[in-house]
Amino acid sequence: TKDEIGDLSHNINTLSKTLYSYIHRLQQDIEKEKQLEHTRKEFIAGVSHELKTPLSIMKSCISILEDGVASNKKDYYFKAMSKEVDKMDILIIDMLELAKFESGTYKMEMDTFYIDEIIDYICEQLNADIVAKRLHVHKQISKMEVVANQSRIEQVITNFITNAIRYTPEHENIIISTIEENERVKVCVENKG
């Protein structure tokens, strides 16, 4: 009968719309998974790169201590190794946070700090590398209070400055500046190379 055909047609249309909706959601979920996998791979590659630096510094310190080259600076080298262990600890925490992020339970910790103090601290930590290449670091920074994840910001700025040191030819300049724009702070690291 016409009513049965009409009901069947209506049910098929409803089923078709429901299936289309499910397929669309599945496609979105697949795309999100692909993006998460890409982010995960990038993060793991980044962590691998980040772990190499502290490990090479620790190996150098151990070698110097074993050779007895700087026996009067043992405390200095032990402190340097301790700092590198702390950096590696932070990286491991980052990996755990990534796992939380992927499970949907991640919450970014926010701190209040001064960006100029972070930049000064990082430059002090990297001073040996700066001096070794006879680089001139010019800081054009202001005292600016920031609300962000301090360890993340420190990690990013350290990466920028480390790359600037690595790729700047000897005796050249590195310029580090801060600019306040629309209630945000922009950190710039400029170098030749």
C-alpha atoms as a PDB file:
ATOM      1  CA  THR A   1       0.000   0.000   0.000  1.00  0.00           C
ATOM      2  CA  LYS A   2       0.935   3.645  -0.415  1.00  0.00           C
ATOM      3  CA  ASP A   3       1.154   4.231   3.363  1.00  0.00           C
ATOM      4  CA  GLU A   4       3.568   1.329   3.826  1.00  0.00           C
ATOM      5  CA  ILE A   5       5.729   2.517   0.921  1.00  0.00           C
ATOM      6  CA  GLY A   6       5.659   6.053   2.341  1.00  0.00           C
ATOM      7  CA  ASP A   7       6.665   4.799   5.813  1.00  0.00           C
ATOM      8  CA  LEU A   8       9.402   2.636   4.307  1.00  0.00           C
ATOM      9  CA  SER A   9      10.669   5.577   2.258  1.00  0.00           C
ATOM     10  CA  HIS A  10      10.637   7.811   5.357  1.00  0.00           C
ATOM     11  CA  ASN A  11      12.485   5.166   7.418  1.00  0.00           C
ATOM     12  CA  ILE A  12      15.096   4.708   4.671  1.00  0.00           C
ATOM     13  CA  ASN A  13      15.637   8.489   4.499  1.00  0.00           C
ATOM     14  CA  THR A  14      15.975   8.698   8.294  1.00  0.00           C
ATOM     15  CA  LEU A  15      18.392   5.757   8.300  1.00  0.00           C
ATOM     16  CA  SER A  16      20.390   7.350   5.474  1.00  0.00           C
ATOM     17  CA  LYS A  17      20.682  10.653   7.369  1.00  0.00           C
ATOM     18  CA  THR A  18      21.708   8.835  10.555  1.00  0.00           C
ATOM     19  CA  LEU A  19      24.337   6.807   8.681  1.00  0.00           C
ATOM     20  CA  TYR A  20      25.658   9.954   7.000  1.00  0.00           C
ATOM     21  CA  SER A  21      25.924  11.644  10.408  1.00  0.00           C
ATOM     22  CA  TYR A  22      27.834   8.660  11.871  1.00  0.00           C
ATOM     23  CA  ILE A  23      30.164   8.486   8.864  1.00  0.00           C
ATOM     24  CA  HIS A  24      30.863  12.220   9.146  1.00  0.00           C
ATOM     25  CA  ARG A  25      31.658  11.890  12.875  1.00  0.00           C
ATOM     26  CA  LEU A  26      33.906   8.896  12.201  1.00  0.00           C
ATOM     27  CA  GLN A  27      35.792  10.866   9.550  1.00  0.00           C
ATOM     28  CA  GLN A  28      36.292  13.716  12.029  1.00  0.00           C
ATOM     29  CA  ASP A  29      37.509  11.271  14.693  1.00  0.00           C
ATOM     30  CA  ILE A  30      39.927   9.682  12.223  1.00  0.00           C
ATOM     31  CA  GLU A  31      41.277  13.130  11.297  1.00  0.00           C
ATOM     32  CA  LYS A  32      41.734  14.011  14.987  1.00  0.00           C
ATOM     33  CA  GLU A  33      43.587  10.731  15.534  1.00  0.00           C
ATOM     34  CA  LYS A  34      45.863  11.474  12.575  1.00  0.00           C
ATOM     35  CA  GLN A  35      46.634  14.916  13.995  1.00  0.00           C
ATOM     36  CA  LEU A  36      47.296  13.449  17.446  1.00  0.00           C
ATOM     37  CA  GLU A  37      49.619  10.842  15.957  1.00  0.00           C
ATOM     38  CA  HIS A  38      51.483  13.555  14.041  1.00  0.00           C
ATOM     39  CA  THR A  39      51.792  15.655  17.218  1.00  0.00           C
ATOM     40  CA  ARG A  40      52.972  12.607  19.165  1.00  0.00           C
ATOM     41  CA  LYS A  41      55.661  11.820  16.581  1.00  0.00           C
ATOM     42  CA  GLU A  42      56.856  15.442  16.534  1.00  0.00           C
ATOM     43  CA  PHE A  43      56.954  15.514  20.322  1.00  0.00           C
ATOM     44  CA  ILE A  44      58.939  12.281  20.573  1.00  0.00           C
ATOM     45  CA  ALA A  45      61.400  13.536  17.939  1.00  0.00           C
ATOM     46  CA  GLY A  46      61.707  16.799  19.882  1.00  0.00           C
ATOM     47  CA  VAL A  47      62.237  15.020  23.201  1.00  0.00           C
ATOM     48  CA  SER A  48      64.898  12.807  21.613  1.00  0.00           C
ATOM     49  CA  HIS A  49      66.665  15.939  20.387  1.00  0.00           C
ATOM     50  CA  GLU A  50      66.219  17.639  23.766  1.00  0.00           C
ATOM     51  CA  LEU A  51      67.673  14.659  25.651  1.00  0.00           C
ATOM     52  CA  LYS A  52      70.834  14.641  23.523  1.00  0.00           C
ATOM     53  CA  THR A  53      72.025  18.033  24.801  1.00  0.00           C
ATOM     54  CA  PRO A  54      71.899  17.251  28.542  1.00  0.00           C
ATOM     55  CA  LEU A  55      73.408  13.829  27.907  1.00  0.00           C
ATOM     56  CA  SER A  56      76.318  15.245  25.904  1.00  0.00           C
ATOM     57  CA  ILE A  57      76.973  17.893  28.580  1.00  0.00           C
ATOM     58  CA  MET A  58      76.942  15.207  31.272  1.00  0.00           C
ATOM     59  CA  LYS A  59      79.296  13.009  29.231  1.00  0.00           C
ATOM     60  CA  SER A  60      81.693  15.955  28.845  1.00  0.00           C
ATOM     61  CA  CYS A  61      81.586  16.687  32.575  1.00  0.00           C
ATOM     62  CA  ILE A  62      82.204  13.031  33.438  1.00  0.00           C
ATOM     63  CA  SER A  63      85.100  12.881  30.983  1.00  0.00           C
ATOM     64  CA  ILE A  64      86.673  16.024  32.478  1.00  0.00           C
ATOM     65  CA  LEU A  65      86.270  14.651  36.006  1.00  0.00           C
ATOM     66  CA  GLU A  66      87.697  11.252  35.025  1.00  0.00           C
ATOM     67  CA  ASP A  67      90.709  12.822  33.310  1.00  0.00           C
ATOM     68  CA  GLY A  68      91.350  15.070  36.311  1.00  0.00           C
ATOM     69  CA  VAL A  69      91.760  18.045  33.959  1.00  0.00           C
ATOM     70  CA  ALA A  70      89.939  20.459  36.251  1.00  0.00           C
ATOM     71  CA  SER A  71      90.196  18.839  39.670  1.00  0.00           C
ATOM     72  CA  ASN A  72      89.805  22.243  41.340  1.00  0.00           C
ATOM     73  CA  LYS A  73      86.389  22.693  39.659  1.00  0.00           C
ATOM     74  CA  LYS A  74      84.730  19.434  40.722  1.00  0.00           C
ATOM     75  CA  ASP A  75      81.839  21.234  42.422  1.00  0.00           C
ATOM     76  CA  TYR A  76      81.171  23.233  39.260  1.00  0.00           C
ATOM     77  CA  TYR A  77      80.958  20.083  37.111  1.00  0.00           C
ATOM     78  CA  PHE A  78      78.787  18.241  39.634  1.00  0.00           C
ATOM     79  CA  LYS A  79      76.401  21.218  39.712  1.00  0.00           C
ATOM     80  CA  ALA A  80      76.353  21.292  35.905  1.00  0.00           C
ATOM     81  CA  MET A  81      75.469  17.588  35.795  1.00  0.00           C
ATOM     82  CA  SER A  82      72.791  18.095  38.431  1.00  0.00           C
ATOM     83  CA  LYS A  83      71.190  20.844  36.311  1.00  0.00           C
ATOM     84  CA  GLU A  84      71.212  18.582  33.269  1.00  0.00           C
ATOM     85  CA  VAL A  85      69.551  15.795  35.276  1.00  0.00           C
ATOM     86  CA  ASP A  86      66.878  18.333  36.264  1.00  0.00           C
ATOM     87  CA  LYS A  87      66.336  19.192  32.583  1.00  0.00           C
ATOM     88  CA  MET A  88      65.976  15.516  31.726  1.00  0.00           C
ATOM     89  CA  ASP A  89      63.523  15.140  34.595  1.00  0.00           C
ATOM     90  CA  ILE A  90      61.417  17.946  33.105  1.00  0.00           C
ATOM     91  CA  LEU A  91      61.455  16.203  29.723  1.00  0.00           C
ATOM     92  CA  ILE A  92      60.208  12.996  31.300  1.00  0.00           C
ATOM     93  CA  ILE A  93      57.459  14.964  33.046  1.00  0.00           C
ATOM     94  CA  ASP A  94      56.609  16.414  29.619  1.00  0.00           C
ATOM     95  CA  MET A  95      56.196  12.916  28.242  1.00  0.00           C
ATOM     96  CA  LEU A  96      53.874  12.038  31.116  1.00  0.00           C
ATOM     97  CA  GLU A  97      51.905  15.233  30.475  1.00  0.00           C
ATOM     98  CA  LEU A  98      51.565  14.235  26.824  1.00  0.00           C
ATOM     99  CA  ALA A  99      50.042  10.947  27.954  1.00  0.00           C
ATOM    100  CA  LYS A 100      47.600  12.922  30.136  1.00  0.00           C
ATOM    101  CA  PHE A 101      46.816  15.217  27.198  1.00  0.00           C
ATOM    102  CA  GLU A 102      46.031  12.259  24.983  1.00  0.00           C
ATOM    103  CA  SER A 103      43.785  10.744  27.638  1.00  0.00           C
ATOM    104  CA  GLY A 104      41.925  14.048  28.034  1.00  0.00           C
ATOM    105  CA  THR A 105      43.029  14.686  31.643  1.00  0.00           C
ATOM    106  CA  TYR A 106      45.757  17.277  30.885  1.00  0.00           C
ATOM    107  CA  LYS A 107      45.713  20.670  32.605  1.00  0.00           C
ATOM    108  CA  MET A 108      48.428  23.257  31.922  1.00  0.00           C
ATOM    109  CA  GLU A 109      49.912  24.711  35.125  1.00  0.00           C
ATOM    110  CA  MET A 110      50.150  28.512  34.986  1.00  0.00           C
ATOM    111  CA  ASP A 111      52.759  30.576  36.831  1.00  0.00           C
ATOM    112  CA  THR A 112      53.313  34.285  37.313  1.00  0.00           C
ATOM    113  CA  PHE A 113      56.899  35.367  36.590  1.00  0.00           C
ATOM    114  CA  TYR A 114      59.010  38.074  34.964  1.00  0.00           C
ATOM    115  CA  ILE A 115      60.139  37.281  31.418  1.00  0.00           C
ATOM    116  CA  ASP A 116      63.312  39.390  31.747  1.00  0.00           C
ATOM    117  CA  GLU A 117      64.458  37.288  34.716  1.00  0.00           C
ATOM    118  CA  ILE A 118      63.933  34.090  32.706  1.00  0.00           C
ATOM    119  CA  ILE A 119      65.948  35.484  29.778  1.00  0.00           C
ATOM    120  CA  ASP A 120      68.764  36.617  32.102  1.00  0.00           C
ATOM    121  CA  TYR A 121      68.809  33.184  33.778  1.00  0.00           C
ATOM    122  CA  ILE A 122      68.958  31.352  30.430  1.00  0.00           C
ATOM    123  CA  CYS A 123      71.766  33.597  29.147  1.00  0.00           C
ATOM    124  CA  GLU A 124      73.678  32.946  32.371  1.00  0.00           C
ATOM    125  CA  GLN A 125      73.230  29.176  31.920  1.00  0.00           C
ATOM    126  CA  LEU A 126      74.449  29.373  28.310  1.00  0.00           C
ATOM    127  CA  ASN A 127      77.274  31.823  29.032  1.00  0.00           C
ATOM    128  CA  ALA A 128      80.048  29.241  28.547  1.00  0.00           C
ATOM    129  CA  ASP A 129      78.813  28.543  24.998  1.00  0.00           C
ATOM    130  CA  ILE A 130      78.487  32.277  24.289  1.00  0.00           C
ATOM    131  CA  VAL A 131      82.038  32.966  25.509  1.00  0.00           C
ATOM    132  CA  ALA A 132      83.461  29.956  23.641  1.00  0.00           C
ATOM    133  CA  LYS A 133      82.265  31.420  20.324  1.00  0.00           C
ATOM    134  CA  ARG A 134      83.128  34.998  21.364  1.00  0.00           C
ATOM    135  CA  LEU A 135      79.572  36.089  20.653  1.00  0.00           C
ATOM    136  CA  HIS A 136      78.103  39.413  21.712  1.00  0.00           C
ATOM    137  CA  VAL A 137      74.642  39.126  23.257  1.00  0.00           C
ATOM    138  CA  HIS A 138      72.630  42.340  23.325  1.00  0.00           C
ATOM    139  CA  LYS A 139      69.474  42.277  25.427  1.00  0.00           C
ATOM    140  CA  GLN A 140      66.729  44.802  24.809  1.00  0.00           C
ATOM    141  CA  ILE A 141      64.347  43.515  27.426  1.00  0.00           C
ATOM    142  CA  SER A 142      61.974  45.145  29.879  1.00  0.00           C
ATOM    143  CA  LYS A 143      60.642  43.964  33.217  1.00  0.00           C
ATOM    144  CA  MET A 144      57.360  42.364  32.184  1.00  0.00           C
ATOM    145  CA  GLU A 145      55.168  40.148  34.306  1.00  0.00           C
ATOM    146  CA  VAL A 146      53.840  37.101  32.465  1.00  0.00           C
ATOM    147  CA  VAL A 147      51.231  34.486  33.316  1.00  0.00           C
ATOM    148  CA  ALA A 148      52.132  31.228  31.545  1.00  0.00           C
ATOM    149  CA  ASN A 149      53.705  27.844  32.133  1.00  0.00           C
ATOM    150  CA  GLN A 150      57.190  28.925  33.229  1.00  0.00           C
ATOM    151  CA  SER A 151      59.004  25.683  32.397  1.00  0.00           C
ATOM    152  CA  ARG A 152      57.470  25.616  28.890  1.00  0.00           C
ATOM    153  CA  ILE A 153      58.406  29.238  28.219  1.00  0.00           C
ATOM    154  CA  GLU A 154      61.912  28.646  29.577  1.00  0.00           C
ATOM    155  CA  GLN A 155      62.275  25.576  27.363  1.00  0.00           C
ATOM    156  CA  VAL A 156      61.187  27.429  24.209  1.00  0.00           C
ATOM    157  CA  ILE A 157      63.414  30.467  24.846  1.00  0.00           C
ATOM    158  CA  THR A 158      66.357  28.177  25.674  1.00  0.00           C
ATOM    159  CA  ASN A 159      65.837  26.403  22.340  1.00  0.00           C
ATOM    160  CA  PHE A 160      65.795  29.698  20.431  1.00  0.00           C
ATOM    161  CA  ILE A 161      68.925  31.039  22.139  1.00  0.00           C
ATOM    162  CA  THR A 162      70.748  27.694  21.853  1.00  0.00           C
ATOM    163  CA  ASN A 163      70.007  27.606  18.121  1.00  0.00           C
ATOM    164  CA  ALA A 164      71.173  31.210  17.767  1.00  0.00           C
ATOM    165  CA  ILE A 165      74.456  30.334  19.514  1.00  0.00           C
ATOM    166  CA  ARG A 166      74.891  27.210  17.396  1.00  0.00           C
ATOM    167  CA  TYR A 167      74.300  28.907  14.038  1.00  0.00           C
ATOM    168  CA  THR A 168      75.851  32.339  14.625  1.00  0.00           C
ATOM    169  CA  PRO A 169      79.433  32.703  13.334  1.00  0.00           C
ATOM    170  CA  GLU A 170      82.131  33.611  15.873  1.00  0.00           C
ATOM    171  CA  HIS A 171      82.416  37.262  16.963  1.00  0.00           C
ATOM    172  CA  GLU A 172      78.885  38.057  15.717  1.00  0.00           C
ATOM    173  CA  ASN A 173      75.882  39.483  17.562  1.00  0.00           C
ATOM    174  CA  ILE A 174      72.767  37.907  19.016  1.00  0.00           C
ATOM    175  CA  ILE A 175      69.964  40.319  19.865  1.00  0.00           C
ATOM    176  CA  ILE A 176      67.298  39.269  22.354  1.00  0.00           C
ATOM    177  CA  SER A 177      64.345  41.605  22.732  1.00  0.00           C
ATOM    178  CA  THR A 178      60.915  41.680  24.306  1.00  0.00           C
ATOM    179  CA  ILE A 179      57.926  43.541  22.920  1.00  0.00           C
ATOM    180  CA  GLU A 180      54.526  43.940  24.545  1.00  0.00           C
ATOM    181  CA  GLU A 181      51.673  43.637  22.024  1.00  0.00           C
ATOM    182  CA  ASN A 182      47.971  43.486  22.905  1.00  0.00           C
ATOM    183  CA  GLU A 183      48.596  42.336  26.490  1.00  0.00           C
ATOM    184  CA  ARG A 184      50.993  39.656  25.216  1.00  0.00           C
ATOM    185  CA  VAL A 185      54.760  39.488  25.354  1.00  0.00           C
ATOM    186  CA  LYS A 186      56.732  38.691  22.224  1.00  0.00           C
ATOM    187  CA  VAL A 187      60.306  37.428  22.668  1.00  0.00           C
ATOM    188  CA  CYS A 188      62.574  37.880  19.628  1.00  0.00           C
ATOM    189  CA  VAL A 189      65.978  36.238  19.147  1.00  0.00           C
ATOM    190  CA  GLU A 190      67.878  37.611  16.145  1.00  0.00           C
ATOM    191  CA  ASN A 191      71.198  36.393  14.824  1.00  0.00           C
ATOM    192  CA  LYS A 192      73.331  36.135  11.697  1.00  0.00           C
ATOM    193  CA  GLY A 193      73.885  32.698  10.256  1.00  0.00           C
END
